């Protein structure tokens, strides 16, 4: 089971990857939205903001998200680390229910390039 520090490091790597992306990926990440990522097996939620092509102001709180973010993810810590490392395909994980993503239809259409 991935630790809290490993999950935070994975989110930091994801933010770094987004910062150095170009083309369609960069434009998809250019949203300005609140973001939550619930790590189900650790009972913790990472909170932040997707802005300027990266994830900013990441904090964490115990339990479920304290508010409703505009983009909401939920998964195990191992799945988060595997997604960021490229060992888990997002579409397959989402389709099988291992990863949950909730957002407006408009945001989902833009985010599909990232996923």
PDB file of N, CA and C in Angstrom:
ATOM      1  N   UNK A   1       0.846  -1.177   0.000  1.00  0.00           N
ATOM      2  CA  UNK A   1       0.000   0.000   0.000  1.00  0.00           C
ATOM      3  C   UNK A   1       0.895   1.245   0.000  1.00  0.00           C
ATOM      4  N   UNK A   2       0.596   2.158  -0.899  1.00  0.00           N
ATOM      5  CA  UNK A   2       1.366   3.400  -1.004  1.00  0.00           C
ATOM      6  C   UNK A   2       1.141   4.253   0.246  1.00  0.00           C
ATOM      7  N   UNK A   3       2.174   4.949   0.659  1.00  0.00           N
ATOM      8  CA  UNK A   3       2.092   5.810   1.833  1.00  0.00           C
ATOM      9  C   UNK A   3       1.618   7.210   1.440  1.00  0.00           C
ATOM     10  N   UNK A   4       1.310   8.012   2.433  1.00  0.00           N
ATOM     11  CA  UNK A   4       0.915   9.395   2.193  1.00  0.00           C
ATOM     12  C   UNK A   4       2.029  10.146   1.458  1.00  0.00           C
ATOM     13  N   UNK A   5       3.278   9.932   1.868  1.00  0.00           N
ATOM     14  CA  UNK A   5       4.407  10.602   1.216  1.00  0.00           C
ATOM     15  C   UNK A   5       4.572  10.162  -0.240  1.00  0.00           C
ATOM     16  N   UNK A   6       4.352   8.887  -0.525  1.00  0.00           N
ATOM     17  CA  UNK A   6       4.449   8.404  -1.905  1.00  0.00           C
ATOM     18  C   UNK A   6       3.342   8.997  -2.773  1.00  0.00           C
ATOM     19  N   UNK A   7       2.149   9.143  -2.205  1.00  0.00           N
ATOM     20  CA  UNK A   7       1.039   9.758  -2.952  1.00  0.00           C
ATOM     21  C   UNK A   7       1.331  11.230  -3.215  1.00  0.00           C
ATOM     22  N   UNK A   8       1.858  11.925  -2.222  1.00  0.00           N
ATOM     23  CA  UNK A   8       2.206  13.341  -2.417  1.00  0.00           C
ATOM     24  C   UNK A   8       3.298  13.474  -3.481  1.00  0.00           C
ATOM     25  N   UNK A   9       4.280  12.591  -3.434  1.00  0.00           N
ATOM     26  CA  UNK A   9       5.349  12.625  -4.433  1.00  0.00           C
ATOM     27  C   UNK A   9       4.796  12.352  -5.834  1.00  0.00           C
ATOM     28  N   UNK A  10       3.830  11.449  -5.948  1.00  0.00           N
ATOM     29  CA  UNK A  10       3.216  11.163  -7.244  1.00  0.00           C
ATOM     30  C   UNK A  10       2.483  12.391  -7.769  1.00  0.00           C
ATOM     31  N   UNK A  11       1.753  13.083  -6.906  1.00  0.00           N
ATOM     32  CA  UNK A  11       1.070  14.311  -7.340  1.00  0.00           C
ATOM     33  C   UNK A  11       2.069  15.389  -7.741  1.00  0.00           C
ATOM     34  N   UNK A  12       3.181  15.473  -7.023  1.00  0.00           N
ATOM     35  CA  UNK A  12       4.230  16.435  -7.394  1.00  0.00           C
ATOM     36  C   UNK A  12       4.816  16.104  -8.763  1.00  0.00           C
ATOM     37  N   UNK A  13       5.036  14.802  -9.051  1.00  0.00           N
ATOM     38  CA  UNK A  13       5.547  14.385 -10.368  1.00  0.00           C
ATOM     39  C   UNK A  13       4.528  14.697 -11.458  1.00  0.00           C
ATOM     40  N   UNK A  14       3.262  14.469 -11.160  1.00  0.00           N
ATOM     41  CA  UNK A  14       2.210  14.786 -12.125  1.00  0.00           C
ATOM     42  C   UNK A  14       2.205  16.279 -12.430  1.00  0.00           C
ATOM     43  N   UNK A  15       2.308  17.105 -11.410  1.00  0.00           N
ATOM     44  CA  UNK A  15       2.344  18.554 -11.613  1.00  0.00           C
ATOM     45  C   UNK A  15       3.555  18.948 -12.451  1.00  0.00           C
ATOM     46  N   UNK A  16       4.703  18.338 -12.176  1.00  0.00           N
ATOM     47  CA  UNK A  16       5.916  18.630 -12.949  1.00  0.00           C
ATOM     48  C   UNK A  16       5.749  18.195 -14.400  1.00  0.00           C
ATOM     49  N   UNK A  17       5.172  17.025 -14.625  1.00  0.00           N
ATOM     50  CA  UNK A  17       4.940  16.538 -15.987  1.00  0.00           C
ATOM     51  C   UNK A  17       4.022  17.488 -16.746  1.00  0.00           C
ATOM     52  N   UNK A  18       3.006  18.000 -16.082  1.00  0.00           N
ATOM     53  CA  UNK A  18       2.074  18.921 -16.720  1.00  0.00           C
ATOM     54  C   UNK A  18       2.762  20.235 -17.074  1.00  0.00           C
ATOM     55  N   UNK A  19       3.660  20.690 -16.231  1.00  0.00           N
ATOM     56  CA  UNK A  19       4.370  21.941 -16.460  1.00  0.00           C
ATOM     57  C   UNK A  19       5.241  21.877 -17.709  1.00  0.00           C
ATOM     58  N   UNK A  20       5.811  20.709 -17.971  1.00  0.00           N
ATOM     59  CA  UNK A  20       6.720  20.569 -19.110  1.00  0.00           C
ATOM     60  C   UNK A  20       6.017  20.063 -20.371  1.00  0.00           C
ATOM     61  N   UNK A  21       4.718  19.819 -20.290  1.00  0.00           N
ATOM     62  CA  UNK A  21       3.970  19.329 -21.456  1.00  0.00           C
ATOM     63  C   UNK A  21       3.790  20.447 -22.472  1.00  0.00           C
ATOM     64  N   UNK A  22       3.489  20.044 -23.701  1.00  0.00           N
ATOM     65  CA  UNK A  22       3.210  21.042 -24.733  1.00  0.00           C
ATOM     66  C   UNK A  22       2.018  20.598 -25.565  1.00  0.00           C
ATOM     67  N   UNK A  23       1.637  21.392 -26.519  1.00  0.00           N
ATOM     68  CA  UNK A  23       0.561  21.049 -27.445  1.00  0.00           C
ATOM     69  C   UNK A  23      -0.784  20.869 -26.784  1.00  0.00           C
ATOM     70  N   UNK A  24      -1.499  19.817 -27.195  1.00  0.00           N
ATOM     71  CA  UNK A  24      -2.843  19.556 -26.702  1.00  0.00           C
ATOM     72  C   UNK A  24      -2.882  19.285 -25.207  1.00  0.00           C
ATOM     73  N   UNK A  25      -1.850  18.617 -24.698  1.00  0.00           N
ATOM     74  CA  UNK A  25      -1.813  18.329 -23.265  1.00  0.00           C
ATOM     75  C   UNK A  25      -1.721  19.623 -22.476  1.00  0.00           C
ATOM     76  N   UNK A  26      -0.872  20.514 -22.916  1.00  0.00           N
ATOM     77  CA  UNK A  26      -0.710  21.797 -22.230  1.00  0.00           C
ATOM     78  C   UNK A  26      -2.005  22.604 -22.258  1.00  0.00           C
ATOM     79  N   UNK A  27      -2.696  22.633 -23.376  1.00  0.00           N
ATOM     80  CA  UNK A  27      -3.935  23.402 -23.455  1.00  0.00           C
ATOM     81  C   UNK A  27      -5.035  22.758 -22.617  1.00  0.00           C
ATOM     82  N   UNK A  28      -5.063  21.426 -22.532  1.00  0.00           N
ATOM     83  CA  UNK A  28      -6.062  20.751 -21.696  1.00  0.00           C
ATOM     84  C   UNK A  28      -5.840  21.049 -20.227  1.00  0.00           C
ATOM     85  N   UNK A  29      -4.583  21.202 -19.841  1.00  0.00           N
ATOM     86  CA  UNK A  29      -4.257  21.473 -18.447  1.00  0.00           C
ATOM     87  C   UNK A  29      -4.404  22.948 -18.095  1.00  0.00           C
ATOM     88  N   UNK A  30      -4.770  23.772 -19.046  1.00  0.00           N
ATOM     89  CA  UNK A  30      -4.859  25.213 -18.812  1.00  0.00           C
ATOM     90  C   UNK A  30      -6.158  25.618 -18.131  1.00  0.00           C
ATOM     91  N   UNK A  31      -6.934  24.656 -17.680  1.00  0.00           N
ATOM     92  CA  UNK A  31      -8.151  24.970 -16.939  1.00  0.00           C
ATOM     93  C   UNK A  31      -7.801  25.670 -15.626  1.00  0.00           C
ATOM     94  N   UNK A  32      -8.754  26.365 -15.062  1.00  0.00           N
ATOM     95  CA  UNK A  32      -8.602  26.929 -13.722  1.00  0.00           C
ATOM     96  C   UNK A  32      -9.752  26.369 -12.898  1.00  0.00           C
ATOM     97  N   UNK A  33      -9.469  25.256 -12.207  1.00  0.00           N
ATOM     98  CA  UNK A  33     -10.507  24.544 -11.477  1.00  0.00           C
ATOM     99  C   UNK A  33      -9.982  24.047 -10.135  1.00  0.00           C
ATOM    100  N   UNK A  34     -10.872  23.962  -9.160  1.00  0.00           N
ATOM    101  CA  UNK A  34     -10.518  23.315  -7.898  1.00  0.00           C
ATOM    102  C   UNK A  34     -10.452  21.814  -8.145  1.00  0.00           C
ATOM    103  N   UNK A  35      -9.610  21.139  -7.380  1.00  0.00           N
ATOM    104  CA  UNK A  35      -9.321  19.736  -7.614  1.00  0.00           C
ATOM    105  C   UNK A  35      -9.240  19.002  -6.282  1.00  0.00           C
ATOM    106  N   UNK A  36      -9.836  17.817  -6.219  1.00  0.00           N
ATOM    107  CA  UNK A  36      -9.652  16.951  -5.056  1.00  0.00           C
ATOM    108  C   UNK A  36      -9.302  15.556  -5.540  1.00  0.00           C
ATOM    109  N   UNK A  37      -8.457  14.891  -4.798  1.00  0.00           N
ATOM    110  CA  UNK A  37      -8.058  13.522  -5.106  1.00  0.00           C
ATOM    111  C   UNK A  37      -8.140  12.722  -3.814  1.00  0.00           C
ATOM    112  N   UNK A  38      -9.195  11.952  -3.678  1.00  0.00           N
ATOM    113  CA  UNK A  38      -9.411  11.149  -2.474  1.00  0.00           C
ATOM    114  C   UNK A  38      -8.659   9.839  -2.607  1.00  0.00           C
ATOM    115  N   UNK A  39      -7.805   9.559  -1.633  1.00  0.00           N
ATOM    116  CA  UNK A  39      -7.063   8.308  -1.586  1.00  0.00           C
ATOM    117  C   UNK A  39      -7.819   7.400  -0.616  1.00  0.00           C
ATOM    118  N   UNK A  40      -8.560   6.476  -1.177  1.00  0.00           N
ATOM    119  CA  UNK A  40      -9.531   5.709  -0.403  1.00  0.00           C
ATOM    120  C   UNK A  40      -8.903   4.823   0.668  1.00  0.00           C
ATOM    121  N   UNK A  41      -7.787   4.175   0.356  1.00  0.00           N
ATOM    122  CA  UNK A  41      -7.200   3.258   1.326  1.00  0.00           C
ATOM    123  C   UNK A  41      -6.468   3.971   2.459  1.00  0.00           C
ATOM    124  N   UNK A  42      -6.117   5.224   2.261  1.00  0.00           N
ATOM    125  CA  UNK A  42      -5.462   6.006   3.314  1.00  0.00           C
ATOM    126  C   UNK A  42      -6.445   6.918   4.050  1.00  0.00           C
ATOM    127  N   UNK A  43      -7.680   6.996   3.549  1.00  0.00           N
ATOM    128  CA  UNK A  43      -8.714   7.870   4.111  1.00  0.00           C
ATOM    129  C   UNK A  43      -8.203   9.310   4.233  1.00  0.00           C
ATOM    130  N   UNK A  44      -7.680   9.806   3.113  1.00  0.00           N
ATOM    131  CA  UNK A  44      -7.165  11.174   3.047  1.00  0.00           C
ATOM    132  C   UNK A  44      -7.546  11.754   1.687  1.00  0.00           C
ATOM    133  N   UNK A  45      -7.697  13.068   1.648  1.00  0.00           N
ATOM    134  CA  UNK A  45      -8.001  13.750   0.393  1.00  0.00           C
ATOM    135  C   UNK A  45      -6.967  14.836   0.152  1.00  0.00           C
ATOM    136  N   UNK A  46      -6.376  14.816  -1.038  1.00  0.00           N
ATOM    137  CA  UNK A  46      -5.489  15.889  -1.463  1.00  0.00           C
ATOM    138  C   UNK A  46      -6.353  16.948  -2.138  1.00  0.00           C
ATOM    139  N   UNK A  47      -6.093  18.187  -1.827  1.00  0.00           N
ATOM    140  CA  UNK A  47      -6.838  19.317  -2.370  1.00  0.00           C
ATOM    141  C   UNK A  47      -5.863  20.239  -3.068  1.00  0.00           C
ATOM    142  N   UNK A  48      -6.289  20.835  -4.150  1.00  0.00           N
ATOM    143  CA  UNK A  48      -5.424  21.767  -4.860  1.00  0.00           C
ATOM    144  C   UNK A  48      -6.191  22.493  -5.940  1.00  0.00           C
ATOM    145  N   UNK A  49      -5.451  23.091  -6.816  1.00  0.00           N
ATOM    146  CA  UNK A  49      -6.040  23.863  -7.907  1.00  0.00           C
ATOM    147  C   UNK A  49      -5.304  23.516  -9.190  1.00  0.00           C
ATOM    148  N   UNK A  50      -6.063  23.202 -10.226  1.00  0.00           N
ATOM    149  CA  UNK A  50      -5.514  23.023 -11.559  1.00  0.00           C
ATOM    150  C   UNK A  50      -5.538  24.396 -12.203  1.00  0.00           C
ATOM    151  N   UNK A  51      -4.357  24.974 -12.411  1.00  0.00           N
ATOM    152  CA  UNK A  51      -4.272  26.338 -12.946  1.00  0.00           C
ATOM    153  C   UNK A  51      -2.947  26.531 -13.655  1.00  0.00           C
ATOM    154  N   UNK A  52      -2.975  27.327 -14.718  1.00  0.00           N
ATOM    155  CA  UNK A  52      -1.754  27.656 -15.457  1.00  0.00           C
ATOM    156  C   UNK A  52      -0.985  26.425 -15.898  1.00  0.00           C
ATOM    157  N   UNK A  53      -1.709  25.357 -16.228  1.00  0.00           N
ATOM    158  CA  UNK A  53      -1.067  24.167 -16.759  1.00  0.00           C
ATOM    159  C   UNK A  53      -0.400  23.279 -15.734  1.00  0.00           C
ATOM    160  N   UNK A  54      -0.728  23.431 -14.457  1.00  0.00           N
ATOM    161  CA  UNK A  54      -0.141  22.579 -13.433  1.00  0.00           C
ATOM    162  C   UNK A  54      -1.100  22.455 -12.254  1.00  0.00           C
ATOM    163  N   UNK A  55      -0.711  21.664 -11.283  1.00  0.00           N
ATOM    164  CA  UNK A  55      -1.475  21.529 -10.046  1.00  0.00           C
ATOM    165  C   UNK A  55      -0.779  22.368  -8.991  1.00  0.00           C
ATOM    166  N   UNK A  56      -1.530  23.277  -8.374  1.00  0.00           N
ATOM    167  CA  UNK A  56      -0.958  24.224  -7.405  1.00  0.00           C
ATOM    168  C   UNK A  56      -1.595  24.067  -6.032  1.00  0.00           C
ATOM    169  N   UNK A  57      -0.902  24.592  -5.042  1.00  0.00           N
ATOM    170  CA  UNK A  57      -1.428  24.727  -3.680  1.00  0.00           C
ATOM    171  C   UNK A  57      -1.970  23.419  -3.130  1.00  0.00           C
ATOM    172  N   UNK A  58      -1.218  22.338  -3.279  1.00  0.00           N
ATOM    173  CA  UNK A  58      -1.679  21.027  -2.830  1.00  0.00           C
ATOM    174  C   UNK A  58      -1.529  20.907  -1.316  1.00  0.00           C
ATOM    175  N   UNK A  59      -2.631  20.539  -0.687  1.00  0.00           N
ATOM    176  CA  UNK A  59      -2.666  20.240   0.744  1.00  0.00           C
ATOM    177  C   UNK A  59      -3.390  18.911   0.894  1.00  0.00           C
ATOM    178  N   UNK A  60      -3.445  18.410   2.103  1.00  0.00           N
ATOM    179  CA  UNK A  60      -4.240  17.204   2.325  1.00  0.00           C
ATOM    180  C   UNK A  60      -5.013  17.343   3.625  1.00  0.00           C
ATOM    181  N   UNK A  61      -6.118  16.612   3.678  1.00  0.00           N
ATOM    182  CA  UNK A  61      -6.988  16.630   4.850  1.00  0.00           C
ATOM    183  C   UNK A  61      -7.465  15.201   5.096  1.00  0.00           C
ATOM    184  N   UNK A  62      -7.648  14.835   6.345  1.00  0.00           N
ATOM    185  CA  UNK A  62      -8.151  13.488   6.621  1.00  0.00           C
ATOM    186  C   UNK A  62      -9.592  13.330   6.155  1.00  0.00           C
ATOM    187  N   UNK A  63      -9.923  12.116   5.766  1.00  0.00           N
ATOM    188  CA  UNK A  63     -11.299  11.801   5.407  1.00  0.00           C
ATOM    189  C   UNK A  63     -11.703  12.299   4.043  1.00  0.00           C
ATOM    190  N   UNK A  64     -13.026  12.353   3.837  1.00  0.00           N
ATOM    191  CA  UNK A  64     -13.538  12.824   2.549  1.00  0.00           C
ATOM    192  C   UNK A  64     -13.271  14.307   2.357  1.00  0.00           C
ATOM    193  N   UNK A  65     -13.399  14.788   1.134  1.00  0.00           N
ATOM    194  CA  UNK A  65     -13.122  16.205   0.879  1.00  0.00           C
ATOM    195  C   UNK A  65     -14.052  17.095   1.706  1.00  0.00           C
ATOM    196  N   UNK A  66     -13.503  18.163   2.259  1.00  0.00           N
ATOM    197  CA  UNK A  66     -14.326  19.059   3.075  1.00  0.00           C
ATOM    198  C   UNK A  66     -15.334  19.865   2.253  1.00  0.00           C
ATOM    199  N   UNK A  67     -15.096  20.028   0.980  1.00  0.00           N
ATOM    200  CA  UNK A  67     -15.999  20.748   0.084  1.00  0.00           C
ATOM    201  C   UNK A  67     -16.057  20.034  -1.245  1.00  0.00           C
ATOM    202  N   UNK A  68     -16.869  20.533  -2.139  1.00  0.00           N
ATOM    203  CA  UNK A  68     -17.035  19.890  -3.452  1.00  0.00           C
ATOM    204  C   UNK A  68     -16.156  20.609  -4.470  1.00  0.00           C
ATOM    205  N   UNK A  69     -15.078  19.946  -4.876  1.00  0.00           N
ATOM    206  CA  UNK A  69     -14.185  20.499  -5.891  1.00  0.00           C
ATOM    207  C   UNK A  69     -14.835  20.367  -7.264  1.00  0.00           C
ATOM    208  N   UNK A  70     -14.389  21.190  -8.198  1.00  0.00           N
ATOM    209  CA  UNK A  70     -14.935  21.140  -9.557  1.00  0.00           C
ATOM    210  C   UNK A  70     -14.497  19.885 -10.306  1.00  0.00           C
ATOM    211  N   UNK A  71     -13.300  19.388  -9.993  1.00  0.00           N
ATOM    212  CA  UNK A  71     -12.806  18.127 -10.556  1.00  0.00           C
ATOM    213  C   UNK A  71     -12.471  17.223  -9.378  1.00  0.00           C
ATOM    214  N   UNK A  72     -13.106  16.050  -9.348  1.00  0.00           N
ATOM    215  CA  UNK A  72     -12.958  15.148  -8.218  1.00  0.00           C
ATOM    216  C   UNK A  72     -12.482  13.774  -8.682  1.00  0.00           C
ATOM    217  N   UNK A  73     -11.414  13.313  -8.081  1.00  0.00           N
ATOM    218  CA  UNK A  73     -10.870  11.983  -8.354  1.00  0.00           C
ATOM    219  C   UNK A  73     -10.923  11.164  -7.068  1.00  0.00           C
ATOM    220  N   UNK A  74     -11.044   9.853  -7.209  1.00  0.00           N
ATOM    221  CA  UNK A  74     -10.962   8.946  -6.064  1.00  0.00           C
ATOM    222  C   UNK A  74     -10.318   7.650  -6.546  1.00  0.00           C
ATOM    223  N   UNK A  75      -9.358   7.150  -5.759  1.00  0.00           N
ATOM    224  CA  UNK A  75      -8.644   5.920  -6.110  1.00  0.00           C
ATOM    225  C   UNK A  75      -7.803   5.482  -4.922  1.00  0.00           C
ATOM    226  N   UNK A  76      -7.207   4.322  -5.025  1.00  0.00           N
ATOM    227  CA  UNK A  76      -6.271   3.876  -3.993  1.00  0.00           C
ATOM    228  C   UNK A  76      -4.922   4.570  -4.199  1.00  0.00           C
ATOM    229  N   UNK A  77      -4.117   4.579  -3.163  1.00  0.00           N
ATOM    230  CA  UNK A  77      -2.786   5.164  -3.271  1.00  0.00           C
ATOM    231  C   UNK A  77      -1.919   4.437  -4.288  1.00  0.00           C
ATOM    232  N   UNK A  78      -2.013   3.105  -4.301  1.00  0.00           N
ATOM    233  CA  UNK A  78      -1.241   2.324  -5.278  1.00  0.00           C
ATOM    234  C   UNK A  78      -1.631   2.683  -6.706  1.00  0.00           C
ATOM    235  N   UNK A  79      -2.936   2.895  -6.931  1.00  0.00           N
ATOM    236  CA  UNK A  79      -3.382   3.244  -8.282  1.00  0.00           C
ATOM    237  C   UNK A  79      -2.903   4.638  -8.679  1.00  0.00           C
ATOM    238  N   UNK A  80      -2.878   5.579  -7.750  1.00  0.00           N
ATOM    239  CA  UNK A  80      -2.362   6.913  -8.056  1.00  0.00           C
ATOM    240  C   UNK A  80      -0.899   6.832  -8.483  1.00  0.00           C
ATOM    241  N   UNK A  81      -0.108   6.128  -7.713  1.00  0.00           N
ATOM    242  CA  UNK A  81       1.318   5.995  -8.033  1.00  0.00           C
ATOM    243  C   UNK A  81       1.497   5.294  -9.377  1.00  0.00           C
ATOM    244  N   UNK A  82       0.731   4.230  -9.622  1.00  0.00           N
ATOM    245  CA  UNK A  82       0.840   3.494 -10.887  1.00  0.00           C
ATOM    246  C   UNK A  82       0.408   4.356 -12.075  1.00  0.00           C
ATOM    247  N   UNK A  83      -0.634   5.165 -11.913  1.00  0.00           N
ATOM    248  CA  UNK A  83      -1.069   6.057 -12.995  1.00  0.00           C
ATOM    249  C   UNK A  83       0.022   7.047 -13.361  1.00  0.00           C
ATOM    250  N   UNK A  84       0.596   7.683 -12.361  1.00  0.00           N
ATOM    251  CA  UNK A  84       1.621   8.703 -12.616  1.00  0.00           C
ATOM    252  C   UNK A  84       2.882   8.066 -13.195  1.00  0.00           C
ATOM    253  N   UNK A  85       3.203   6.860 -12.748  1.00  0.00           N
ATOM    254  CA  UNK A  85       4.390   6.165 -13.256  1.00  0.00           C
ATOM    255  C   UNK A  85       4.175   5.563 -14.640  1.00  0.00           C
ATOM    256  N   UNK A  86       2.931   5.587 -15.134  1.00  0.00           N
ATOM    257  CA  UNK A  86       2.642   5.038 -16.448  1.00  0.00           C
ATOM    258  C   UNK A  86       2.409   3.537 -16.467  1.00  0.00           C
ATOM    259  N   UNK A  87       2.251   2.918 -15.296  1.00  0.00           N
ATOM    260  CA  UNK A  87       2.026   1.476 -15.217  1.00  0.00           C
ATOM    261  C   UNK A  87       0.547   1.117 -15.234  1.00  0.00           C
ATOM    262  N   UNK A  88      -0.329   2.105 -15.116  1.00  0.00           N
ATOM    263  CA  UNK A  88      -1.768   1.870 -15.127  1.00  0.00           C
ATOM    264  C   UNK A  88      -2.404   2.811 -16.134  1.00  0.00           C
ATOM    265  N   UNK A  89      -3.177   2.271 -17.040  1.00  0.00           N
ATOM    266  CA  UNK A  89      -3.867   3.050 -18.059  1.00  0.00           C
ATOM    267  C   UNK A  89      -5.112   3.681 -17.444  1.00  0.00           C
ATOM    268  N   UNK A  90      -5.223   5.017 -17.554  1.00  0.00           N
ATOM    269  CA  UNK A  90      -6.340   5.713 -16.923  1.00  0.00           C
ATOM    270  C   UNK A  90      -7.682   5.240 -17.460  1.00  0.00           C
ATOM    271  N   UNK A  91      -7.823   5.124 -18.772  1.00  0.00           N
ATOM    272  CA  UNK A  91      -9.109   4.741 -19.363  1.00  0.00           C
ATOM    273  C   UNK A  91      -9.562   3.374 -18.857  1.00  0.00           C
ATOM    274  N   UNK A  92      -8.658   2.429 -18.791  1.00  0.00           N
ATOM    275  CA  UNK A  92      -9.011   1.095 -18.285  1.00  0.00           C
ATOM    276  C   UNK A  92      -9.362   1.140 -16.809  1.00  0.00           C
ATOM    277  N   UNK A  93      -8.584   1.887 -16.035  1.00  0.00           N
ATOM    278  CA  UNK A  93      -8.848   1.999 -14.592  1.00  0.00           C
ATOM    279  C   UNK A  93     -10.183   2.685 -14.339  1.00  0.00           C
ATOM    280  N   UNK A  94     -10.490   3.706 -15.120  1.00  0.00           N
ATOM    281  CA  UNK A  94     -11.766   4.418 -14.987  1.00  0.00           C
ATOM    282  C   UNK A  94     -12.918   3.503 -15.402  1.00  0.00           C
ATOM    283  N   UNK A  95     -12.743   2.816 -16.516  1.00  0.00           N
ATOM    284  CA  UNK A  95     -13.784   1.916 -17.012  1.00  0.00           C
ATOM    285  C   UNK A  95     -14.089   0.765 -16.065  1.00  0.00           C
ATOM    286  N   UNK A  96     -13.085   0.309 -15.345  1.00  0.00           N
ATOM    287  CA  UNK A  96     -13.276  -0.815 -14.417  1.00  0.00           C
ATOM    288  C   UNK A  96     -13.707  -0.356 -13.029  1.00  0.00           C
ATOM    289  N   UNK A  97     -13.731   0.958 -12.794  1.00  0.00           N
ATOM    290  CA  UNK A  97     -14.146   1.475 -11.495  1.00  0.00           C
ATOM    291  C   UNK A  97     -13.026   1.624 -10.480  1.00  0.00           C
ATOM    292  N   UNK A  98     -11.797   1.312 -10.878  1.00  0.00           N
ATOM    293  CA  UNK A  98     -10.672   1.482  -9.951  1.00  0.00           C
ATOM    294  C   UNK A  98     -10.397   2.955  -9.676  1.00  0.00           C
ATOM    295  N   UNK A  99     -10.684   3.791 -10.660  1.00  0.00           N
ATOM    296  CA  UNK A  99     -10.515   5.238 -10.534  1.00  0.00           C
ATOM    297  C   UNK A  99     -11.862   5.882 -10.823  1.00  0.00           C
ATOM    298  N   UNK A 100     -12.251   6.807  -9.966  1.00  0.00           N
ATOM    299  CA  UNK A 100     -13.486   7.564 -10.207  1.00  0.00           C
ATOM    300  C   UNK A 100     -13.109   9.010 -10.515  1.00  0.00           C
ATOM    301  N   UNK A 101     -13.770   9.562 -11.514  1.00  0.00           N
ATOM    302  CA  UNK A 101     -13.564  10.950 -11.924  1.00  0.00           C
ATOM    303  C   UNK A 101     -14.927  11.596 -12.089  1.00  0.00           C
ATOM    304  N   UNK A 102     -15.104  12.717 -11.420  1.00  0.00           N
ATOM    305  CA  UNK A 102     -16.336  13.489 -11.555  1.00  0.00           C
ATOM    306  C   UNK A 102     -15.961  14.921 -11.912  1.00  0.00           C
ATOM    307  N   UNK A 103     -16.607  15.426 -12.929  1.00  0.00           N
ATOM    308  CA  UNK A 103     -16.388  16.802 -13.380  1.00  0.00           C
ATOM    309  C   UNK A 103     -17.529  17.149 -14.329  1.00  0.00           C
ATOM    310  N   UNK A 104     -17.608  18.405 -14.696  1.00  0.00           N
ATOM    311  CA  UNK A 104     -18.628  18.789 -15.675  1.00  0.00           C
ATOM    312  C   UNK A 104     -18.292  18.139 -17.012  1.00  0.00           C
ATOM    313  N   UNK A 105     -19.296  17.991 -17.849  1.00  0.00           N
ATOM    314  CA  UNK A 105     -19.073  17.400 -19.174  1.00  0.00           C
ATOM    315  C   UNK A 105     -18.037  18.205 -19.958  1.00  0.00           C
ATOM    316  N   UNK A 106     -18.112  19.493 -19.869  1.00  0.00           N
ATOM    317  CA  UNK A 106     -17.154  20.354 -20.570  1.00  0.00           C
ATOM    318  C   UNK A 106     -15.723  20.095 -20.092  1.00  0.00           C
ATOM    319  N   UNK A 107     -15.547  19.984 -18.779  1.00  0.00           N
ATOM    320  CA  UNK A 107     -14.216  19.706 -18.243  1.00  0.00           C
ATOM    321  C   UNK A 107     -13.740  18.310 -18.626  1.00  0.00           C
ATOM    322  N   UNK A 108     -14.644  17.330 -18.601  1.00  0.00           N
ATOM    323  CA  UNK A 108     -14.269  15.975 -19.004  1.00  0.00           C
ATOM    324  C   UNK A 108     -13.763  15.938 -20.442  1.00  0.00           C
ATOM    325  N   UNK A 109     -14.418  16.668 -21.312  1.00  0.00           N
ATOM    326  CA  UNK A 109     -13.986  16.710 -22.707  1.00  0.00           C
ATOM    327  C   UNK A 109     -12.590  17.311 -22.849  1.00  0.00           C
ATOM    328  N   UNK A 110     -12.305  18.349 -22.073  1.00  0.00           N
ATOM    329  CA  UNK A 110     -10.954  18.952 -22.131  1.00  0.00           C
ATOM    330  C   UNK A 110      -9.917  18.052 -21.474  1.00  0.00           C
ATOM    331  N   UNK A 111     -10.306  17.413 -20.391  1.00  0.00           N
ATOM    332  CA  UNK A 111      -9.353  16.593 -19.646  1.00  0.00           C
ATOM    333  C   UNK A 111      -8.991  15.286 -20.341  1.00  0.00           C
ATOM    334  N   UNK A 112      -9.801  14.842 -21.268  1.00  0.00           N
ATOM    335  CA  UNK A 112      -9.538  13.554 -21.905  1.00  0.00           C
ATOM    336  C   UNK A 112      -8.157  13.509 -22.542  1.00  0.00           C
ATOM    337  N   UNK A 113      -7.624  14.640 -22.964  1.00  0.00           N
ATOM    338  CA  UNK A 113      -6.273  14.683 -23.532  1.00  0.00           C
ATOM    339  C   UNK A 113      -5.235  14.345 -22.478  1.00  0.00           C
ATOM    340  N   UNK A 114      -5.486  14.746 -21.237  1.00  0.00           N
ATOM    341  CA  UNK A 114      -4.541  14.435 -20.153  1.00  0.00           C
ATOM    342  C   UNK A 114      -4.609  12.975 -19.755  1.00  0.00           C
ATOM    343  N   UNK A 115      -5.748  12.367 -19.967  1.00  0.00           N
ATOM    344  CA  UNK A 115      -5.983  11.035 -19.439  1.00  0.00           C
ATOM    345  C   UNK A 115      -5.685   9.993 -20.472  1.00  0.00           C
TER     346      UNK A 115
END
